Amino acid sequence: MSSIVIHVFVELEANVLVRNLQMLY
């Protein structure tokens, strides 16, 4: 169960990072 939660958090953080990079460029 914990591994699934970590996966979700990783995907959410990745999406936020991608959006921040798109805003910069």
N, C-alpha and C. Protein backbone atom coordinates (compact mmCIF):
# COMPACT_ATOMS: atom_id res chain seq x y z
N MET A 1 0.84 -1.21 0.00
CA MET A 1 0.00 0.00 0.00
C MET A 1 0.87 1.26 0.00
N SER A 2 1.87 1.30 0.85
CA SER A 2 2.72 2.50 0.93
C SER A 2 3.41 2.77 -0.41
N SER A 3 3.80 1.69 -1.11
CA SER A 3 4.48 1.89 -2.40
C SER A 3 3.56 2.60 -3.39
N ILE A 4 2.27 2.27 -3.34
CA ILE A 4 1.32 2.92 -4.27
C ILE A 4 1.21 4.40 -3.93
N VAL A 5 1.14 4.71 -2.64
CA VAL A 5 1.04 6.12 -2.21
C VAL A 5 2.26 6.89 -2.68
N ILE A 6 3.45 6.29 -2.52
CA ILE A 6 4.69 6.96 -2.95
C ILE A 6 4.65 7.20 -4.45
N HIS A 7 4.14 6.21 -5.21
CA HIS A 7 4.07 6.37 -6.66
C HIS A 7 3.18 7.56 -7.02
N VAL A 8 2.06 7.68 -6.35
CA VAL A 8 1.13 8.78 -6.64
C VAL A 8 1.80 10.11 -6.34
N PHE A 9 2.49 10.19 -5.18
CA PHE A 9 3.16 11.45 -4.82
C PHE A 9 4.23 11.79 -5.84
N VAL A 10 4.99 10.80 -6.28
CA VAL A 10 6.05 11.04 -7.27
C VAL A 10 5.45 11.58 -8.56
N GLU A 11 4.33 10.98 -8.99
CA GLU A 11 3.72 11.46 -10.25
C GLU A 11 3.20 12.87 -10.07
N LEU A 12 2.61 13.17 -8.91
CA LEU A 12 2.08 14.53 -8.68
C LEU A 12 3.23 15.53 -8.69
N GLU A 13 4.34 15.20 -8.02
CA GLU A 13 5.48 16.13 -7.98
C GLU A 13 6.04 16.32 -9.38
N ALA A 14 6.11 15.24 -10.17
CA ALA A 14 6.64 15.33 -11.54
C ALA A 14 5.76 16.28 -12.35
N ASN A 15 4.44 16.16 -12.19
CA ASN A 15 3.53 17.04 -12.94
C ASN A 15 3.76 18.50 -12.54
N VAL A 16 3.94 18.75 -11.26
CA VAL A 16 4.15 20.13 -10.79
C VAL A 16 5.46 20.67 -11.37
N LEU A 17 6.52 19.84 -11.37
CA LEU A 17 7.80 20.29 -11.91
C LEU A 17 7.67 20.61 -13.39
N VAL A 18 6.96 19.77 -14.13
CA VAL A 18 6.78 20.00 -15.57
C VAL A 18 6.03 21.31 -15.78
N ARG A 19 5.00 21.56 -14.98
CA ARG A 19 4.23 22.81 -15.15
C ARG A 19 5.11 24.01 -14.84
N ASN A 20 5.93 23.90 -13.79
CA ASN A 20 6.81 25.02 -13.44
C ASN A 20 7.80 25.28 -14.58
N LEU A 21 8.35 24.22 -15.17
CA LEU A 21 9.29 24.41 -16.27
C LEU A 21 8.59 25.06 -17.45
N GLN A 22 7.36 24.64 -17.74
CA GLN A 22 6.63 25.23 -18.87
C GLN A 22 6.37 26.71 -18.60
N MET A 23 6.11 27.08 -17.35
CA MET A 23 5.86 28.49 -17.03
C MET A 23 7.14 29.30 -17.26
N LEU A 24 8.29 28.72 -16.90
CA LEU A 24 9.56 29.43 -17.10
C LEU A 24 9.81 29.64 -18.59
N TYR A 25 9.57 28.60 -19.37
CA TYR A 25 9.80 28.72 -20.81
C TYR A 25 8.48 29.06 -21.46
